[in-house]
Amino acid sequence: MIIAILSLYAIGIPFVSSLGLASAIVVSATMLAAVTLLPALLAIFGRNLDRVRVRKIGKKTALTTDAASTPHTQPASGWRGWVGGIQRRRWVSALAAVLVLAILALPLLSLRLGTADGGSQAADTTQRKAYDLIVDGFGAGWAGPLLVTVDFGADSTPAENQAASMAVRTQLAATDGVSAVTPPRLAENGTTVLYTVIPTSSPDDAATETLVHDLRETVLPDAVSHVGGATATSIDLADTLLAQIGWFVLIVVVLAFIVLLIEFRAPFIAAMAVIMNLFAVGAAYGPVVAVFQWGWWPAGLLGVSSGPVESFVPVMLFAVLFGLSTDYTVFLLSRVKEELARTGDPDRAVQNGLAATARVILAAASVMVVVFGSFILNDQRTVTMFGFGLAMSVAVYALVVMLVLVPALLAIAGRGAWRRTKRHLSAESESSPDLEPLLATLGRG
């Protein structure tokens, strides 16, 4: 989680980096409390914590004895049967899970970053009412004018500057996508001129983005000019994030793979975990695009209108979701690894590991879905979008990835999933002599 969040510094935008730093501090404090304060409290309260119990619903745990182990208490639940069914239909289960994730991620192909204008706010908000009055009375472009400055230099005379400024205004007004251009305002230095350019389209319209690029690259390339204003700034922010997000994703994926490889010492396990995390992020991006950009259900229920995806939401979603999904994956695979060392049977290890952790994973995911889902109650479109994406991804990851895709992939890979290098096998067999026969078997695959 900390690696993914701190990688936001790779974006190079101060406020995004600040969000990452603040989040990393909170996560670090929570982690320190979990390994220091929690054990201390458990030691203080001792058995008193178990004084009040909640009666379990379902079968009791059963004492089982495996041929390759000592007696071991295992939860007698339906999860073992669930995993067994997936293992028997491993290819069908894996393909079905991948298909579901691919369908959810499909809208990502039309992702458009930007900043939604007032027209995307709820109808009863002040911002929306003011936006509607401006659009109805003057036109969509007046809700997000562009500011264009031109510097004619100190070598020309005031009369020459005046004539040139009028020529630039004519050129701006003749540009496709421009509704109006205000008369030039000359600065006190006598060389800098300011124009207010009114687009024909709304601030979050793709046509306005095209106009900003045209003004910079085609209309005013030979002049010392700049296109600014809130609308242009939002477009520049989206362009910057879109250009940097690839490097950000690459850094997170590589670092996560290295950490998982150190933890499990199995390349297949590390690669599988990283790829599944990417699937989880895609499963969040797709519904966000469909609901908030396309306006599909439940956009009306959420009180939002269609518009671009807020430019910084994808990187924040990626950082948080990649960290969360990695936590869930490590929790499950660590237990599977323990069961594999105990039983020596990969299929039984997955059954026992998931049976022991499924309820905890679902409980934790349910809590996170409720927490993130509460963001939807906020009347700010960005907060609603963030909460919806997080809740959707956590739910999909817990139900589809953890309960279906992971068991299916591990069943397909078999012992090869846990194959390690000879160096790792040698190091671990020296530290754990009892595991030497098992590790040698896994090494042979």
Protein backbone atom coordinates (compact mmCIF):
# COMPACT_ATOMS: atom_id res chain seq x y z
CA MET A 1 0.00 0.00 0.00
CA ILE A 2 2.73 2.48 0.98
CA ILE A 3 4.73 1.71 -2.17
CA ALA A 4 1.73 2.36 -4.41
CA ILE A 5 0.77 5.58 -2.65
CA LEU A 6 4.28 7.05 -2.51
CA SER A 7 4.68 6.29 -6.22
CA LEU A 8 2.30 9.20 -6.81
CA TYR A 9 5.43 11.36 -6.60
CA ALA A 10 6.29 10.04 -10.06
CA ILE A 11 3.38 12.04 -11.47
CA GLY A 12 5.22 15.29 -10.72
CA ILE A 13 2.16 17.31 -9.69
CA PRO A 14 2.46 18.84 -6.19
CA PHE A 15 -1.10 18.39 -4.95
CA VAL A 16 -1.19 14.75 -6.13
CA SER A 17 2.12 14.12 -4.36
CA SER A 18 0.76 15.76 -1.22
CA LEU A 19 -2.25 13.44 -1.24
CA GLY A 20 0.08 10.48 -1.57
CA LEU A 21 2.32 11.63 1.27
CA ALA A 22 -0.60 12.24 3.61
CA SER A 23 -2.08 8.83 2.80
CA ALA A 24 1.28 7.12 3.30
CA ILE A 25 1.65 8.73 6.74
CA VAL A 26 -1.79 7.46 7.79
CA VAL A 27 -1.08 3.94 6.49
CA SER A 28 2.33 3.90 8.22
CA ALA A 29 0.80 4.99 11.52
CA THR A 30 -1.85 2.29 11.23
CA MET A 31 0.77 -0.34 10.45
CA LEU A 32 2.91 0.67 13.44
CA ALA A 33 -0.14 0.55 15.70
CA ALA A 34 -0.95 -2.94 14.41
CA VAL A 35 2.49 -4.32 15.26
CA THR A 36 3.02 -2.44 18.53
CA LEU A 37 -0.16 -1.16 20.16
CA LEU A 38 -2.38 -4.11 19.25
CA PRO A 39 -0.04 -6.81 20.68
CA ALA A 40 0.34 -4.73 23.83
CA LEU A 41 -3.42 -4.45 24.28
CA LEU A 42 -3.85 -8.17 23.67
CA ALA A 43 -1.26 -8.90 26.33
CA ILE A 44 -2.94 -6.51 28.79
CA PHE A 45 -6.46 -7.90 28.40
CA GLY A 46 -5.39 -11.50 27.92
CA ARG A 47 -8.24 -14.01 28.09
CA ASN A 48 -10.69 -11.29 29.13
CA LEU A 49 -11.09 -10.44 25.44
CA ASP A 50 -12.76 -13.82 24.93
CA ARG A 51 -15.09 -13.55 27.89
CA VAL A 52 -18.10 -12.48 25.81
CA ARG A 53 -18.60 -14.75 22.81
CA VAL A 54 -20.96 -14.72 19.83
CA ARG A 55 -22.37 -18.13 18.98
CA LYS A 56 -21.23 -19.33 15.55
CA ILE A 57 -23.79 -20.18 12.91
CA GLY A 58 -22.89 -23.26 10.91
CA LYS A 59 -20.74 -26.29 11.36
CA LYS A 60 -18.18 -26.58 14.08
CA THR A 61 -14.53 -26.96 13.37
CA ALA A 62 -13.35 -30.50 12.98
CA LEU A 63 -10.15 -32.08 14.18
CA THR A 64 -8.44 -33.69 11.21
CA THR A 65 -5.22 -35.58 10.84
CA ASP A 66 -3.28 -35.56 7.60
CA ALA A 67 -0.76 -38.18 6.70
CA ALA A 68 1.93 -35.58 6.15
CA SER A 69 1.25 -33.54 9.27
CA THR A 70 0.31 -33.45 12.89
CA PRO A 71 -3.31 -33.07 13.97
CA HIS A 72 -4.59 -29.75 12.73
CA THR A 73 -7.82 -27.90 13.32
CA GLN A 74 -9.54 -26.96 10.06
CA PRO A 75 -12.78 -25.08 9.54
CA ALA A 76 -15.44 -27.49 8.27
CA SER A 77 -17.17 -25.05 5.96
CA GLY A 78 -18.58 -25.03 2.45
CA TRP A 79 -15.60 -23.06 1.19
CA ARG A 80 -13.56 -26.23 0.73
CA GLY A 81 -16.28 -27.63 -1.49
CA TRP A 82 -16.47 -24.36 -3.39
CA VAL A 83 -12.75 -24.45 -4.13
CA GLY A 84 -12.96 -28.11 -5.05
CA GLY A 85 -15.61 -27.32 -7.66
CA ILE A 86 -13.45 -24.57 -9.14
CA GLN A 87 -10.44 -26.87 -9.23
CA ARG A 88 -12.42 -29.50 -11.12
CA ARG A 89 -13.48 -26.86 -13.66
CA ARG A 90 -10.33 -24.79 -13.49
CA TRP A 91 -10.20 -23.60 -17.09
CA VAL A 92 -13.88 -22.74 -17.28
CA SER A 93 -13.69 -20.89 -13.97
CA ALA A 94 -10.58 -18.94 -14.97
CA LEU A 95 -11.98 -17.97 -18.37
CA ALA A 96 -15.34 -16.96 -16.85
CA ALA A 97 -13.63 -14.76 -14.25
CA VAL A 98 -11.38 -13.14 -16.85
CA LEU A 99 -14.39 -12.54 -19.10
CA VAL A 100 -16.29 -10.79 -16.31
CA LEU A 101 -13.27 -8.61 -15.50
CA ALA A 102 -12.70 -7.81 -19.18
CA ILE A 103 -16.34 -6.77 -19.68
CA LEU A 104 -16.17 -4.52 -16.64
CA ALA A 105 -12.93 -2.94 -17.87
CA LEU A 106 -14.08 -2.50 -21.49
CA PRO A 107 -15.37 1.12 -21.09
CA LEU A 108 -11.83 2.09 -20.06
CA LEU A 109 -10.93 2.22 -23.75
CA SER A 110 -12.95 5.45 -24.11
CA LEU A 111 -11.61 7.12 -20.96
CA ARG A 112 -11.44 10.92 -21.25
CA LEU A 113 -9.82 12.90 -18.46
CA GLY A 114 -10.82 16.43 -17.59
CA THR A 115 -12.63 18.54 -15.03
CA ALA A 116 -16.41 18.50 -15.05
CA ASP A 117 -18.10 21.91 -15.28
CA GLY A 118 -21.10 23.13 -13.35
CA GLY A 119 -23.44 21.26 -15.66
CA SER A 120 -22.37 17.99 -14.05
CA GLN A 121 -23.47 19.08 -10.57
CA ALA A 122 -26.77 18.11 -9.01
CA ALA A 123 -29.71 20.19 -10.24
CA ASP A 124 -30.45 21.69 -6.82
CA THR A 125 -26.91 23.01 -6.18
CA THR A 126 -25.91 26.66 -6.45
CA GLN A 127 -23.15 25.80 -8.94
CA ARG A 128 -25.60 24.09 -11.28
CA LYS A 129 -28.18 26.89 -11.07
CA ALA A 130 -25.56 29.53 -11.85
CA TYR A 131 -24.18 27.43 -14.70
CA ASP A 132 -27.64 26.99 -16.23
CA LEU A 133 -28.34 30.72 -16.06
CA ILE A 134 -25.05 31.54 -17.79
CA VAL A 135 -25.52 28.92 -20.50
CA ASP A 136 -29.15 29.84 -21.16
CA GLY A 137 -28.48 33.59 -21.17
CA PHE A 138 -25.12 33.82 -22.93
CA GLY A 139 -23.96 30.45 -24.25
CA ALA A 140 -22.03 27.40 -23.06
CA GLY A 141 -18.61 28.94 -23.65
CA TRP A 142 -19.22 31.80 -21.22
CA ALA A 143 -19.11 29.29 -18.36
CA GLY A 144 -15.43 28.69 -19.05
CA PRO A 145 -13.70 31.49 -21.01
CA LEU A 146 -10.08 31.23 -22.13
CA LEU A 147 -7.53 33.92 -21.36
CA VAL A 148 -5.04 34.60 -24.15
CA THR A 149 -2.02 36.86 -23.63
CA VAL A 150 0.28 38.13 -26.40
CA ASP A 151 3.58 39.98 -25.85
CA PHE A 152 4.58 42.15 -28.82
CA GLY A 153 7.95 43.09 -27.36
CA ALA A 154 9.55 46.43 -26.53
CA ASP A 155 10.92 47.10 -30.03
CA SER A 156 7.55 48.07 -31.53
CA THR A 157 5.75 51.36 -31.04
CA PRO A 158 2.38 51.69 -29.24
CA ALA A 159 0.67 52.34 -32.58
CA GLU A 160 2.18 49.19 -34.06
CA ASN A 161 1.13 47.21 -31.01
CA GLN A 162 -2.41 48.51 -31.28
CA ALA A 163 -2.66 47.51 -34.93
CA ALA A 164 -1.14 44.11 -34.27
CA SER A 165 -3.48 43.46 -31.34
CA MET A 166 -6.53 44.08 -33.52
CA ALA A 167 -5.12 41.74 -36.18
CA VAL A 168 -4.65 39.01 -33.54
CA ARG A 169 -8.21 39.52 -32.35
CA THR A 170 -9.48 39.04 -35.89
CA GLN A 171 -7.41 35.88 -36.21
CA LEU A 172 -8.74 34.52 -32.93
CA ALA A 173 -12.35 35.28 -33.82
CA ALA A 174 -11.98 33.43 -37.12
CA THR A 175 -10.80 30.25 -35.41
CA ASP A 176 -13.16 27.27 -35.47
CA GLY A 177 -14.77 26.75 -32.09
CA VAL A 178 -14.56 30.41 -31.03
CA SER A 179 -17.84 32.18 -30.31
CA ALA A 180 -16.52 35.63 -29.43
CA VAL A 181 -13.35 37.51 -28.54
CA THR A 182 -13.41 40.56 -26.29
CA PRO A 183 -11.54 43.72 -27.34
CA PRO A 184 -7.82 43.60 -26.44
CA ARG A 185 -6.75 45.05 -23.10
CA LEU A 186 -3.28 46.62 -23.14
CA ALA A 187 -1.17 46.25 -20.01
CA GLU A 188 0.62 49.20 -18.40
CA ASN A 189 3.92 48.12 -19.98
CA GLY A 190 2.37 48.82 -23.38
CA THR A 191 3.49 45.51 -24.90
CA THR A 192 1.30 42.82 -23.33
CA VAL A 193 -2.28 42.34 -24.54
CA LEU A 194 -5.02 40.26 -22.91
CA TYR A 195 -7.95 38.69 -24.78
CA THR A 196 -10.92 36.79 -23.40
CA VAL A 197 -11.82 34.05 -25.86
CA ILE A 198 -15.29 32.52 -25.55
CA PRO A 199 -15.56 28.96 -26.94
CA THR A 200 -18.71 27.71 -28.61
CA SER A 201 -18.64 24.61 -26.38
CA SER A 202 -18.82 24.04 -22.63
CA PRO A 203 -15.67 23.88 -20.47
CA ASP A 204 -15.68 20.07 -20.18
CA ASP A 205 -16.51 19.42 -23.82
CA ALA A 206 -13.90 17.66 -25.95
CA ALA A 207 -14.27 20.46 -28.52
CA THR A 208 -12.96 22.99 -25.99
CA GLU A 209 -9.89 20.83 -25.41
CA THR A 210 -9.31 20.74 -29.17
CA LEU A 211 -9.66 24.52 -29.34
CA VAL A 212 -7.01 25.08 -26.65
CA HIS A 213 -4.54 22.88 -28.52
CA ASP A 214 -5.34 24.59 -31.83
CA LEU A 215 -4.78 28.06 -30.36
CA ARG A 216 -1.38 27.06 -29.03
CA GLU A 217 -0.15 24.98 -31.94
CA THR A 218 -1.78 26.51 -35.02
CA VAL A 219 -3.30 29.95 -34.48
CA LEU A 220 -0.61 31.59 -32.34
CA PRO A 221 2.57 29.56 -32.80
CA ASP A 222 4.70 32.46 -34.08
CA ALA A 223 3.74 34.93 -31.37
CA VAL A 224 4.94 35.12 -27.76
CA SER A 225 1.54 34.03 -26.51
CA HIS A 226 -0.03 31.94 -23.79
CA VAL A 227 -3.47 30.40 -23.35
CA GLY A 228 -4.60 30.23 -19.73
CA GLY A 229 -7.59 30.48 -17.45
CA ALA A 230 -9.32 27.84 -15.31
CA THR A 231 -10.53 25.84 -18.31
CA ALA A 232 -7.11 25.68 -19.98
CA THR A 233 -5.49 24.79 -16.64
CA SER A 234 -7.86 21.85 -16.21
CA ILE A 235 -7.03 20.65 -19.72
CA ASP A 236 -3.29 20.96 -19.03
CA LEU A 237 -3.67 18.99 -15.80
CA ALA A 238 -5.44 16.17 -17.64
CA ASP A 239 -2.76 16.14 -20.35
CA THR A 240 0.03 15.99 -17.77
CA LEU A 241 -1.58 13.16 -15.84
CA LEU A 242 -2.31 11.21 -19.00
CA ALA A 243 1.32 11.56 -20.08
CA GLN A 244 2.71 10.45 -16.70
CA ILE A 245 0.27 7.71 -15.70
CA GLY A 246 2.13 5.08 -17.74
CA TRP A 247 5.37 5.65 -15.81
CA PHE A 248 3.47 5.71 -12.54
CA VAL A 249 1.81 2.35 -13.26
CA LEU A 250 5.12 0.83 -14.36
CA ILE A 251 6.88 1.93 -11.16
CA VAL A 252 4.12 0.53 -8.94
CA VAL A 253 3.94 -2.78 -10.82
CA VAL A 254 7.72 -3.34 -10.81
CA LEU A 255 8.13 -2.48 -7.12
CA ALA A 256 5.14 -4.63 -6.16
CA PHE A 257 6.51 -7.56 -8.16
CA ILE A 258 9.89 -7.26 -6.42
CA VAL A 259 8.31 -7.15 -2.95
CA LEU A 260 6.04 -10.13 -3.71
CA LEU A 261 8.95 -12.06 -5.17
CA ILE A 262 10.94 -11.50 -1.98
CA GLU A 263 7.95 -12.55 0.12
CA PHE A 264 6.96 -15.73 -1.75
CA ARG A 265 10.18 -16.47 -3.69
CA ALA A 266 8.03 -17.80 -6.52
CA PRO A 267 8.01 -15.82 -9.79
CA PHE A 268 4.66 -17.21 -10.91
CA ILE A 269 2.96 -16.20 -7.65
CA ALA A 270 4.42 -12.68 -7.79
CA ALA A 271 3.45 -12.22 -11.44
CA MET A 272 -0.04 -13.64 -10.89
CA ALA A 273 -0.66 -11.30 -7.96
CA VAL A 274 0.44 -8.22 -9.94
CA ILE A 275 -1.67 -9.15 -12.98
CA MET A 276 -4.75 -9.80 -10.85
CA ASN A 277 -4.29 -6.41 -9.21
CA LEU A 278 -4.26 -4.80 -12.64
CA PHE A 279 -7.50 -6.62 -13.44
CA ALA A 280 -9.00 -5.22 -10.24
CA VAL A 281 -8.05 -1.67 -11.18
CA GLY A 282 -9.48 -2.13 -14.67
CA ALA A 283 -12.70 -3.44 -13.15
CA ALA A 284 -12.95 -0.15 -11.24
CA TYR A 285 -12.07 2.16 -14.14
CA GLY A 286 -14.64 0.63 -16.50
CA PRO A 287 -17.75 1.22 -14.34
CA VAL A 288 -16.50 4.71 -13.47
CA VAL A 289 -16.31 5.59 -17.18
CA ALA A 290 -19.70 4.01 -17.90
CA VAL A 291 -21.50 5.80 -15.07
CA PHE A 292 -19.79 9.17 -14.82
CA GLN A 293 -18.61 9.72 -18.42
CA TRP A 294 -21.35 7.96 -20.38
CA GLY A 295 -24.13 8.63 -17.90
CA TRP A 296 -25.26 5.01 -17.59
CA TRP A 297 -27.27 3.75 -14.62
CA PRO A 298 -26.97 4.51 -11.74
CA ALA A 299 -25.81 8.03 -12.70
CA GLY A 300 -29.30 9.45 -12.16
CA LEU A 301 -29.60 7.67 -8.84
CA LEU A 302 -26.28 9.15 -7.75
CA GLY A 303 -27.37 12.63 -8.79
CA VAL A 304 -24.56 13.18 -11.31
CA SER A 305 -24.56 14.06 -14.99
CA SER A 306 -22.26 12.74 -17.69
CA GLY A 307 -18.90 14.42 -18.15
CA PRO A 308 -15.19 13.63 -18.22
CA VAL A 309 -13.56 11.57 -15.50
CA GLU A 310 -11.84 13.90 -13.05
CA SER A 311 -8.22 13.98 -14.11
CA PHE A 312 -6.58 12.95 -10.83
CA VAL A 313 -9.13 10.26 -9.87
CA PRO A 314 -7.58 7.43 -11.97
CA VAL A 315 -4.12 7.76 -10.39
CA MET A 316 -5.56 7.96 -6.88
CA LEU A 317 -7.81 4.97 -7.58
CA PHE A 318 -4.87 3.00 -8.91
CA ALA A 319 -2.67 3.75 -5.89
CA VAL A 320 -5.32 2.85 -3.32
CA LEU A 321 -6.78 -0.15 -5.15
CA PHE A 322 -3.43 -1.68 -6.06
CA GLY A 323 -2.36 -1.44 -2.44
CA LEU A 324 -5.61 -2.88 -1.07
CA SER A 325 -5.75 -5.74 -3.55
CA THR A 326 -2.12 -6.61 -2.83
CA ASP A 327 -2.96 -6.80 0.89
CA TYR A 328 -5.82 -9.22 0.24
CA THR A 329 -3.66 -11.30 -2.09
CA VAL A 330 -0.77 -11.57 0.36
CA PHE A 331 -3.16 -12.51 3.16
CA LEU A 332 -4.65 -15.40 1.15
CA LEU A 333 -1.46 -16.65 -0.49
CA SER A 334 0.46 -16.57 2.79
CA ARG A 335 -2.07 -18.95 4.30
CA VAL A 336 -1.96 -21.15 1.19
CA LYS A 337 1.83 -21.22 1.47
CA GLU A 338 1.59 -22.35 5.10
CA GLU A 339 -0.88 -25.09 4.18
CA LEU A 340 1.36 -26.21 1.32
CA ALA A 341 4.29 -26.57 3.70
CA ARG A 342 2.05 -28.56 6.06
CA THR A 343 0.29 -30.89 3.61
CA GLY A 344 2.56 -30.98 0.55
CA ASP A 345 -0.57 -31.03 -1.66
CA PRO A 346 -1.12 -27.84 -3.72
CA ASP A 347 -4.84 -28.45 -4.29
CA ARG A 348 -5.54 -29.21 -0.65
CA ALA A 349 -3.42 -26.21 0.37
CA VAL A 350 -5.61 -23.89 -1.70
CA GLN A 351 -8.78 -25.48 -0.28
CA ASN A 352 -7.59 -25.15 3.31
CA GLY A 353 -6.13 -21.69 2.77
CA LEU A 354 -9.27 -20.23 1.23
CA ALA A 355 -11.52 -22.00 3.75
CA ALA A 356 -9.54 -20.39 6.56
CA THR A 357 -9.43 -16.88 5.08
CA ALA A 358 -12.58 -16.50 2.95
CA ARG A 359 -14.76 -15.20 5.77
CA VAL A 360 -12.11 -12.72 6.88
CA ILE A 361 -11.57 -11.51 3.31
CA LEU A 362 -15.30 -11.09 2.71
CA ALA A 363 -15.78 -9.36 6.07
CA ALA A 364 -12.93 -6.94 5.39
CA ALA A 365 -14.16 -6.32 1.84
CA SER A 366 -17.70 -5.70 3.12
CA VAL A 367 -16.43 -3.12 5.58
CA MET A 368 -14.45 -1.35 2.85
CA VAL A 369 -17.42 -1.41 0.45
CA VAL A 370 -19.63 0.19 3.11
CA VAL A 371 -16.99 2.80 3.95
CA PHE A 372 -16.27 3.68 0.33
CA GLY A 373 -19.94 3.46 -0.54
CA SER A 374 -20.69 6.14 2.03
CA PHE A 375 -18.70 8.55 -0.16
CA ILE A 376 -21.53 8.32 -2.66
CA LEU A 377 -23.76 10.24 -0.24
CA ASN A 378 -21.52 13.28 -0.75
CA ASP A 379 -22.89 15.88 -3.18
CA GLN A 380 -19.46 16.48 -4.76
CA ARG A 381 -19.07 14.63 -8.06
CA THR A 382 -15.37 13.90 -7.49
CA VAL A 383 -15.94 12.35 -4.06
CA THR A 384 -18.87 10.30 -5.39
CA MET A 385 -16.76 9.09 -8.30
CA PHE A 386 -13.89 8.11 -6.01
CA GLY A 387 -16.14 6.22 -3.59
CA PHE A 388 -18.01 4.43 -6.38
CA GLY A 389 -14.80 3.27 -8.03
CA LEU A 390 -13.27 2.04 -4.78
CA ALA A 391 -16.40 0.22 -3.63
CA MET A 392 -16.91 -1.41 -7.03
CA SER A 393 -13.32 -2.60 -7.28
CA VAL A 394 -13.14 -4.03 -3.75
CA ALA A 395 -16.38 -5.95 -4.27
CA VAL A 396 -15.27 -7.34 -7.63
CA TYR A 397 -11.82 -8.26 -6.34
CA ALA A 398 -13.17 -10.11 -3.32
CA LEU A 399 -15.95 -11.97 -5.15
CA VAL A 400 -14.40 -12.65 -8.57
CA VAL A 401 -10.64 -12.56 -8.14
CA MET A 402 -10.15 -13.96 -4.65
CA LEU A 403 -12.93 -16.56 -4.71
CA VAL A 404 -12.74 -17.68 -8.34
CA LEU A 405 -9.70 -16.56 -10.32
CA VAL A 406 -7.02 -17.25 -7.70
CA PRO A 407 -8.11 -20.86 -6.98
CA ALA A 408 -8.53 -21.52 -10.70
CA LEU A 409 -5.08 -20.20 -11.65
CA LEU A 410 -3.38 -22.04 -8.80
CA ALA A 411 -5.14 -25.24 -9.86
CA ILE A 412 -3.99 -24.76 -13.46
CA ALA A 413 -0.39 -24.06 -12.43
CA GLY A 414 -0.28 -26.81 -9.81
CA ARG A 415 3.10 -27.28 -8.17
CA GLY A 416 4.69 -25.07 -10.81
CA ALA A 417 3.08 -22.03 -9.23
CA TRP A 418 5.35 -22.37 -6.22
CA ARG A 419 8.51 -23.30 -8.08
CA ARG A 420 11.53 -21.47 -6.77
CA THR A 421 15.09 -20.96 -7.89
CA LYS A 422 17.79 -23.31 -6.65
CA ARG A 423 19.28 -20.50 -4.58
CA HIS A 424 15.98 -20.00 -2.73
CA LEU A 425 15.54 -23.74 -2.31
CA SER A 426 19.01 -24.11 -0.85
CA ALA A 427 18.65 -21.15 1.51
CA GLU A 428 15.28 -22.25 2.83
CA SER A 429 16.20 -25.90 3.22
CA GLU A 430 19.17 -24.86 5.36
CA SER A 431 16.98 -22.70 7.58
CA SER A 432 14.14 -25.28 7.70
CA PRO A 433 15.53 -28.85 7.45
CA ASP A 434 12.07 -30.37 7.88
CA LEU A 435 10.91 -28.74 4.66
CA GLU A 436 13.78 -30.03 2.54
CA PRO A 437 11.89 -32.95 0.92
CA LEU A 438 8.90 -30.74 0.08
CA LEU A 439 11.03 -27.93 -1.32
CA ALA A 440 13.02 -30.36 -3.44
CA THR A 441 9.77 -31.73 -4.84
CA LEU A 442 8.49 -28.25 -5.65
CA GLY A 443 11.78 -27.35 -7.24
CA ARG A 444 11.49 -30.27 -9.62
CA GLY A 445 7.91 -29.06 -10.44
